[in-house]
Structures are given as C-alpha cells and as structure tokens.
Protein backbone atom coordinates (compact mmCIF):
# COMPACT_ATOMS: atom_id res chain seq x y z
CA PRO A 1 0.17 0.01 0.25
CA TYR A 2 2.63 2.26 0.56
CA ALA A 3 6.77 2.48 0.98
CA GLU A 4 8.01 -0.48 3.11
CA PRO A 5 4.97 -1.57 5.16
CA ASP A 6 7.10 -3.84 6.83
CA GLU A 7 9.26 -1.53 8.63
CA ARG A 8 8.10 -2.74 11.44
CA TRP A 9 7.85 -6.54 10.30
CA PRO A 10 9.96 -8.86 12.76
CA ALA A 11 13.56 -9.80 10.91
CA PRO A 12 12.68 -13.14 9.68
CA ALA A 13 9.23 -11.78 8.09
CA ARG A 14 10.87 -8.58 6.79
CA ARG A 15 13.33 -10.81 5.16
CA ARG A 16 10.61 -12.91 3.48
CA TYR A 17 8.67 -10.09 2.39
CA ARG A 18 11.82 -8.57 0.46
CA GLU A 19 12.22 -11.85 -1.08
CA LEU A 20 9.40 -12.30 -2.24
CA LEU A 21 9.19 -9.02 -3.85
CA GLU A 22 12.64 -9.27 -5.90
CA ARG A 23 10.98 -12.43 -7.22
CA ALA A 24 7.40 -9.78 -8.57
CA ASP A 25 7.13 -9.22 -12.01
CA GLU A 26 5.68 -5.83 -10.72
CA VAL A 27 5.17 -4.34 -7.95
CA VAL A 28 2.58 -1.56 -7.05
CA VAL A 29 3.16 0.96 -4.39
CA LEU A 30 -0.03 3.06 -3.77
CA GLU A 31 0.94 6.21 -1.62
CA ARG A 32 4.28 7.83 -1.09
CA ARG A 33 3.80 8.63 2.41
CA ARG A 34 4.01 5.77 5.17
CA PRO A 35 1.39 5.90 8.13
CA THR A 36 2.70 7.45 11.42
CA ASP A 37 0.35 5.52 13.54
CA ARG A 38 -2.26 2.22 13.53
CA ALA A 39 -5.20 4.52 12.77
CA GLY A 40 -3.38 5.29 9.48
CA THR A 41 -1.82 2.68 8.98
CA THR A 42 -5.36 1.19 8.76
CA GLN A 43 -6.89 3.97 6.71
CA ALA A 44 -4.28 3.10 3.94
CA LEU A 45 -5.08 -0.68 3.92
CA ALA A 46 -8.12 -0.07 3.57
CA ARG A 47 -7.16 2.08 0.68
CA ARG A 48 -5.36 -0.53 -0.61
CA ASP A 49 -8.67 -3.56 -0.23
CA ALA A 50 -10.39 -0.65 -2.02
CA TRP A 51 -7.99 -0.80 -4.77
CA LEU A 52 -7.58 -4.44 -5.20
CA ALA A 53 -11.30 -4.65 -5.39
CA ARG A 54 -11.50 -2.08 -8.15
CA ASN A 55 -8.33 -4.17 -10.58
CA VAL A 56 -8.86 -7.77 -9.73
CA ASP A 57 -10.96 -10.00 -11.32
CA GLU A 58 -10.52 -13.23 -8.68
CA ALA A 59 -7.74 -13.06 -5.83
CA VAL A 60 -6.41 -15.38 -3.54
CA VAL A 61 -5.93 -14.30 0.54
CA VAL A 62 -3.37 -16.76 2.33
CA TRP A 63 -4.04 -16.07 6.36
CA ASP A 64 -2.64 -17.82 9.08
CA GLY A 65 -6.59 -17.66 11.45
CA GLN A 66 -5.42 -13.99 13.09
CA PRO A 67 -7.99 -11.91 13.63
CA GLY A 68 -6.71 -8.61 11.95
CA PHE A 69 -5.46 -6.70 8.63
CA VAL A 70 -5.58 -9.70 6.57
CA GLU A 71 -9.35 -11.02 7.93
CA ARG A 72 -10.18 -7.50 7.18
CA THR A 73 -8.69 -7.69 3.65
CA TRP A 74 -10.30 -11.27 2.43
CA THR A 75 -13.85 -9.98 4.21
CA ARG A 76 -13.86 -6.73 1.79
CA LEU A 77 -12.58 -8.74 -1.44
CA ALA A 78 -15.01 -11.18 -0.90
CA ASP A 79 -17.50 -8.32 -0.44
CA VAL A 80 -17.03 -7.23 -3.58
CA LEU A 81 -15.64 -10.27 -5.88
CA GLY A 82 -18.02 -12.50 -4.12
CA ASP A 83 -17.25 -16.96 -5.09
CA ASP A 84 -14.03 -15.18 -6.64
CA VAL A 85 -12.02 -14.88 -3.34
CA TRP A 86 -10.32 -17.70 -2.25
CA LEU A 87 -9.18 -18.41 0.97
CA LEU A 88 -6.28 -20.27 1.97
CA ARG A 89 -5.56 -20.62 5.96
CA LEU A 90 -2.50 -21.40 7.07
C-alpha cells in the first residue's frame, strides 16, 4: 500500500517479504507517505483493499487465522468479488 510496509516487522518476516518482492514481475505502491500510527495504517490498508477490489477479477488470500488486517482484506474482497476470492488458511 505504501513504501516499506514491512518497516516494523520482525527480521524473518522482512527477509521473506523482500524475497517475494524481488521475485515479483511488478510492484505497485499506491501511496508515497507511510502512516505514522495504527489508525493511519488501517486507513492505508483499507484504501489498498478498495484499489484491489476495483482492479482485480479474482484473488487468493493466505491467512493464518489471526484476527487483523488479513482477515479484513479477505472480507472486503469477498464483499466485492464474491466467490472469486479463495481463502487459503495456514
């Protein structure tokens, strides 16, 4: 959603995220400014989810079952895309 969303993540998660970015054909950054607090992060992720819902036909969401951002993303996408969202639970 914005530059360096992994800034505060644990080191192993950051490394894995960076590996995935390096393998991506394209990376879309929607906002230049990083949020400064949790409310700003939540709002930025909601804008990202809205952008995704407008720009994709299908989605696969990988979720570890913990309440939070991924669950909200899945819910938002499912509201728009219906059965064209697949949920993979870890």
